[in-house]
Amino acid sequence: MDKVTNYDVTLDQSEMNFEKAGPLFSRYVLKLIGPVDRRWVDCYGQILKERPNLARFRLEPATSSVSFTCRSTDGPAEVMGVVKRLQELVAMVNDAGNAALRAEQQPTNVRPHPSAPKSPASKPEAERPSLAAGLLARFSRR
């Protein structure tokens, strides 16, 4: 996964495309600008699960775009209102992605218990028994 320091995904409104989606609807597609990686996509999906009223926005991760439909009779003001809600959704996903990123980068405060056995990998290589010696010792015990 790419090293991302901050999610600041935005919509490229300069190239909003639309097409007829039947006699009653038009489908609009907006490109996303910024790092749309697995973490961002997962956050997008989680927000849509939590907020079913945003289900009209379909993310296409392969093309880094989002699409939505409106009635063919909706004018520019209605369409721009939907775009504004999409901008708010993208901002929420950026916030969630940044929070997830901070949580992943947070150092853990959990320390092993002092009486916990140390793993063989933590010993210097010279002190580790060889695999063959370990197997031989295991099978030769009675």
C-alpha atoms as a PDB file:
ATOM      1  CA  MET A   1       0.000   0.000   0.000  1.00  0.00           C
ATOM      2  CA  ASP A   2       1.260   3.465  -0.803  1.00  0.00           C
ATOM      3  CA  LYS A   3       2.539   5.645   2.000  1.00  0.00           C
ATOM      4  CA  VAL A   4      -0.108   8.315   2.408  1.00  0.00           C
ATOM      5  CA  THR A   5       0.437  11.167   4.833  1.00  0.00           C
ATOM      6  CA  ASN A   6      -2.960  12.795   4.455  1.00  0.00           C
ATOM      7  CA  TYR A   7      -6.152  12.173   2.490  1.00  0.00           C
ATOM      8  CA  ASP A   8      -7.307  15.233   0.590  1.00  0.00           C
ATOM      9  CA  VAL A   9      -9.395  13.701  -2.189  1.00  0.00           C
ATOM     10  CA  THR A  10     -11.482  16.221  -4.145  1.00  0.00           C
ATOM     11  CA  LEU A  11     -13.926  16.198  -7.049  1.00  0.00           C
ATOM     12  CA  ASP A  12     -12.865  17.306 -10.503  1.00  0.00           C
ATOM     13  CA  GLN A  13     -15.960  19.304 -11.420  1.00  0.00           C
ATOM     14  CA  SER A  14     -14.343  20.674 -14.568  1.00  0.00           C
ATOM     15  CA  GLU A  15     -14.972  17.379 -16.329  1.00  0.00           C
ATOM     16  CA  MET A  16     -18.381  16.270 -15.067  1.00  0.00           C
ATOM     17  CA  ASN A  17     -19.809  13.894 -17.656  1.00  0.00           C
ATOM     18  CA  PHE A  18     -23.430  12.884 -18.062  1.00  0.00           C
ATOM     19  CA  GLU A  19     -25.370  10.421 -20.146  1.00  0.00           C
ATOM     20  CA  LYS A  20     -28.979   9.396 -20.498  1.00  0.00           C
ATOM     21  CA  ALA A  21     -29.919   6.516 -18.219  1.00  0.00           C
ATOM     22  CA  GLY A  22     -33.297   5.754 -19.719  1.00  0.00           C
ATOM     23  CA  PRO A  23     -36.117   8.118 -20.551  1.00  0.00           C
ATOM     24  CA  LEU A  24     -36.480   9.478 -17.008  1.00  0.00           C
ATOM     25  CA  PHE A  25     -32.934   9.719 -15.632  1.00  0.00           C
ATOM     26  CA  SER A  26     -29.488  11.119 -16.387  1.00  0.00           C
ATOM     27  CA  ARG A  27     -26.289   9.650 -14.985  1.00  0.00           C
ATOM     28  CA  TYR A  28     -23.493  11.999 -13.925  1.00  0.00           C
ATOM     29  CA  VAL A  29     -19.866  10.957 -13.432  1.00  0.00           C
ATOM     30  CA  LEU A  30     -17.208  12.952 -11.562  1.00  0.00           C
ATOM     31  CA  LYS A  31     -13.514  12.066 -11.325  1.00  0.00           C
ATOM     32  CA  LEU A  32     -11.778  12.002  -7.960  1.00  0.00           C
ATOM     33  CA  ILE A  33      -8.431  13.739  -7.568  1.00  0.00           C
ATOM     34  CA  GLY A  34      -6.117  12.379  -4.886  1.00  0.00           C
ATOM     35  CA  PRO A  35      -5.127   9.048  -3.330  1.00  0.00           C
ATOM     36  CA  VAL A  36      -8.060   6.651  -3.735  1.00  0.00           C
ATOM     37  CA  ASP A  37      -6.459   3.561  -2.195  1.00  0.00           C
ATOM     38  CA  ARG A  38      -7.871   0.560  -0.355  1.00  0.00           C
ATOM     39  CA  ARG A  39      -8.146   2.393   2.985  1.00  0.00           C
ATOM     40  CA  TRP A  40     -10.062   5.282   1.376  1.00  0.00           C
ATOM     41  CA  VAL A  41     -12.361   2.872  -0.488  1.00  0.00           C
ATOM     42  CA  ASP A  42     -13.018   0.925   2.747  1.00  0.00           C
ATOM     43  CA  CYS A  43     -13.897   4.162   4.564  1.00  0.00           C
ATOM     44  CA  TYR A  44     -16.210   5.128   1.694  1.00  0.00           C
ATOM     45  CA  GLY A  45     -18.028   1.797   1.955  1.00  0.00           C
ATOM     46  CA  GLN A  46     -18.313   2.068   5.739  1.00  0.00           C
ATOM     47  CA  ILE A  47     -19.854   5.546   5.539  1.00  0.00           C
ATOM     48  CA  LEU A  48     -22.373   4.359   2.933  1.00  0.00           C
ATOM     49  CA  LYS A  49     -23.353   1.483   5.257  1.00  0.00           C
ATOM     50  CA  GLU A  50     -23.874   3.926   8.123  1.00  0.00           C
ATOM     51  CA  ARG A  51     -25.764   6.460   5.984  1.00  0.00           C
ATOM     52  CA  PRO A  52     -28.134   4.772   3.534  1.00  0.00           C
ATOM     53  CA  ASN A  53     -29.340   8.183   2.295  1.00  0.00           C
ATOM     54  CA  LEU A  54     -26.003   8.487   0.452  1.00  0.00           C
ATOM     55  CA  ALA A  55     -26.431   5.198  -1.433  1.00  0.00           C
ATOM     56  CA  ARG A  56     -27.113   7.028  -4.697  1.00  0.00           C
ATOM     57  CA  PHE A  57     -23.367   7.738  -5.008  1.00  0.00           C
ATOM     58  CA  ARG A  58     -21.555   4.844  -6.686  1.00  0.00           C
ATOM     59  CA  LEU A  59     -17.788   4.702  -6.283  1.00  0.00           C
ATOM     60  CA  GLU A  60     -15.790   3.156  -9.114  1.00  0.00           C
ATOM     61  CA  PRO A  61     -12.321   2.588  -7.579  1.00  0.00           C
ATOM     62  CA  ALA A  62     -10.764   1.355 -10.825  1.00  0.00           C
ATOM     63  CA  THR A  63     -11.396   4.704 -12.517  1.00  0.00           C
ATOM     64  CA  SER A  64     -11.325   6.870  -9.366  1.00  0.00           C
ATOM     65  CA  SER A  65     -14.764   8.224 -10.129  1.00  0.00           C
ATOM     66  CA  VAL A  66     -18.177   8.543  -8.512  1.00  0.00           C
ATOM     67  CA  SER A  67     -21.486   8.454 -10.353  1.00  0.00           C
ATOM     68  CA  PHE A  68     -25.057   9.335  -9.417  1.00  0.00           C
ATOM     69  CA  THR A  69     -28.382   9.675 -11.178  1.00  0.00           C
ATOM     70  CA  CYS A  70     -30.879  12.517 -11.249  1.00  0.00           C
ATOM     71  CA  ARG A  71     -34.219  12.897 -12.966  1.00  0.00           C
ATOM     72  CA  SER A  72     -33.937  14.169 -16.506  1.00  0.00           C
ATOM     73  CA  THR A  73     -36.229  17.032 -15.537  1.00  0.00           C
ATOM     74  CA  ASP A  74     -33.867  18.209 -12.750  1.00  0.00           C
ATOM     75  CA  GLY A  75     -32.256  21.497 -13.595  1.00  0.00           C
ATOM     76  CA  PRO A  76     -28.699  22.655 -12.925  1.00  0.00           C
ATOM     77  CA  ALA A  77     -29.597  23.871  -9.405  1.00  0.00           C
ATOM     78  CA  GLU A  78     -30.838  20.408  -8.371  1.00  0.00           C
ATOM     79  CA  VAL A  79     -27.811  18.691  -9.917  1.00  0.00           C
ATOM     80  CA  MET A  80     -25.416  21.094  -8.175  1.00  0.00           C
ATOM     81  CA  GLY A  81     -27.215  20.402  -4.886  1.00  0.00           C
ATOM     82  CA  VAL A  82     -26.448  16.699  -5.352  1.00  0.00           C
ATOM     83  CA  VAL A  83     -22.818  17.536  -6.209  1.00  0.00           C
ATOM     84  CA  LYS A  84     -22.613  19.539  -2.970  1.00  0.00           C
ATOM     85  CA  ARG A  85     -23.801  16.477  -1.001  1.00  0.00           C
ATOM     86  CA  LEU A  86     -21.186  14.408  -2.843  1.00  0.00           C
ATOM     87  CA  GLN A  87     -18.503  16.923  -1.815  1.00  0.00           C
ATOM     88  CA  GLU A  88     -19.646  16.540   1.799  1.00  0.00           C
ATOM     89  CA  LEU A  89     -19.437  12.738   1.452  1.00  0.00           C
ATOM     90  CA  VAL A  90     -15.893  12.964   0.062  1.00  0.00           C
ATOM     91  CA  ALA A  91     -14.917  15.226   2.983  1.00  0.00           C
ATOM     92  CA  MET A  92     -16.347  12.686   5.458  1.00  0.00           C
ATOM     93  CA  VAL A  93     -14.402   9.882   3.767  1.00  0.00           C
ATOM     94  CA  ASN A  94     -11.210  11.977   3.880  1.00  0.00           C
ATOM     95  CA  ASP A  95     -11.746  12.542   7.612  1.00  0.00           C
ATOM     96  CA  ALA A  96     -12.397   8.832   8.216  1.00  0.00           C
ATOM     97  CA  GLY A  97      -9.368   7.852   6.122  1.00  0.00           C
ATOM     98  CA  ASN A  98      -7.140  10.289   8.003  1.00  0.00           C
ATOM     99  CA  ALA A  99      -8.425   8.950  11.345  1.00  0.00           C
ATOM    100  CA  ALA A 100      -7.748   5.359  10.217  1.00  0.00           C
ATOM    101  CA  LEU A 101      -4.283   6.361   9.043  1.00  0.00           C
ATOM    102  CA  ARG A 102      -3.477   8.005  12.390  1.00  0.00           C
ATOM    103  CA  ALA A 103      -4.746   4.933  14.247  1.00  0.00           C
ATOM    104  CA  GLU A 104      -2.513   2.647  12.169  1.00  0.00           C
ATOM    105  CA  GLN A 105       0.529   4.849  12.733  1.00  0.00           C
ATOM    106  CA  GLN A 106      -0.087   5.183  16.485  1.00  0.00           C
ATOM    107  CA  PRO A 107       2.600   3.308  18.408  1.00  0.00           C
ATOM    108  CA  THR A 108       1.233   0.614  20.627  1.00  0.00           C
ATOM    109  CA  ASN A 109       1.518   0.910  24.391  1.00  0.00           C
ATOM    110  CA  VAL A 110       1.153  -2.839  24.887  1.00  0.00           C
ATOM    111  CA  ARG A 111       4.298  -4.432  26.247  1.00  0.00           C
ATOM    112  CA  PRO A 112       4.888  -8.136  26.658  1.00  0.00           C
ATOM    113  CA  HIS A 113       4.435  -9.488  30.153  1.00  0.00           C
ATOM    114  CA  PRO A 114       7.822  -9.805  31.916  1.00  0.00           C
ATOM    115  CA  SER A 115       7.270 -13.503  32.605  1.00  0.00           C
ATOM    116  CA  ALA A 116       6.243 -14.240  29.001  1.00  0.00           C
ATOM    117  CA  PRO A 117       8.673 -16.581  27.242  1.00  0.00           C
ATOM    118  CA  LYS A 118      10.816 -14.900  24.669  1.00  0.00           C
ATOM    119  CA  SER A 119      10.491 -16.109  21.127  1.00  0.00           C
ATOM    120  CA  PRO A 120      13.483 -17.868  19.567  1.00  0.00           C
ATOM    121  CA  ALA A 121      13.610 -15.150  16.925  1.00  0.00           C
ATOM    122  CA  SER A 122      14.476 -12.580  19.609  1.00  0.00           C
ATOM    123  CA  LYS A 123      17.683 -14.441  20.526  1.00  0.00           C
ATOM    124  CA  PRO A 124      20.898 -13.720  18.649  1.00  0.00           C
ATOM    125  CA  GLU A 125      21.446 -16.216  15.846  1.00  0.00           C
ATOM    126  CA  ALA A 126      24.482 -17.749  17.566  1.00  0.00           C
ATOM    127  CA  GLU A 127      22.300 -18.725  20.568  1.00  0.00           C
ATOM    128  CA  ARG A 128      19.460 -20.213  18.506  1.00  0.00           C
ATOM    129  CA  PRO A 129      19.494 -23.982  18.068  1.00  0.00           C
ATOM    130  CA  SER A 130      19.517 -25.145  14.481  1.00  0.00           C
ATOM    131  CA  LEU A 131      16.356 -26.648  13.059  1.00  0.00           C
ATOM    132  CA  ALA A 132      17.979 -30.061  12.741  1.00  0.00           C
ATOM    133  CA  ALA A 133      19.246 -29.975  16.338  1.00  0.00           C
ATOM    134  CA  GLY A 134      15.785 -28.999  17.586  1.00  0.00           C
ATOM    135  CA  LEU A 135      14.093 -31.820  15.675  1.00  0.00           C
ATOM    136  CA  LEU A 136      16.709 -34.336  16.749  1.00  0.00           C
ATOM    137  CA  ALA A 137      16.280 -33.320  20.395  1.00  0.00           C
ATOM    138  CA  ARG A 138      12.482 -33.536  20.121  1.00  0.00           C
ATOM    139  CA  PHE A 139      12.473 -37.030  18.579  1.00  0.00           C
ATOM    140  CA  SER A 140      15.230 -38.457  20.767  1.00  0.00           C
ATOM    141  CA  ARG A 141      13.459 -37.626  24.064  1.00  0.00           C
ATOM    142  CA  ARG A 142      11.800 -40.507  25.884  1.00  0.00           C
END
